Amino acid sequence: MNYMPGTASLIEDIDRPGEGE
């Protein structure tokens, strides 16, 4: 799976709730 720059933000938001933009 290739994560795009925009998707990375979503993953970070899910991985660390409260620290994602």
Protein backbone atom coordinates (compact mmCIF):
# COMPACT_ATOMS: atom_id res chain seq x y z
CA MET A 1 0.00 0.00 0.00
CA ASN A 2 1.35 3.41 -0.91
CA TYR A 3 0.39 6.17 1.48
CA MET A 4 0.08 9.65 0.01
CA PRO A 5 1.13 12.86 1.84
CA GLY A 6 -2.52 13.62 2.54
CA THR A 7 -3.16 10.10 3.79
CA ALA A 8 -0.16 10.26 6.11
CA SER A 9 -1.94 12.99 8.05
CA LEU A 10 -4.96 10.74 8.49
CA ILE A 11 -2.80 7.83 9.64
CA GLU A 12 -1.01 10.04 12.17
CA ASP A 13 -4.33 11.33 13.42
CA ILE A 14 -5.55 7.76 13.92
CA ASP A 15 -2.23 6.51 15.30
CA ARG A 16 -1.93 9.43 17.74
CA PRO A 17 -5.39 10.87 18.41
CA GLY A 18 -5.16 14.49 19.50
CA GLU A 19 -1.80 15.09 17.88
CA GLY A 20 -2.93 15.03 14.24
CA GLU A 21 -3.75 18.06 12.14
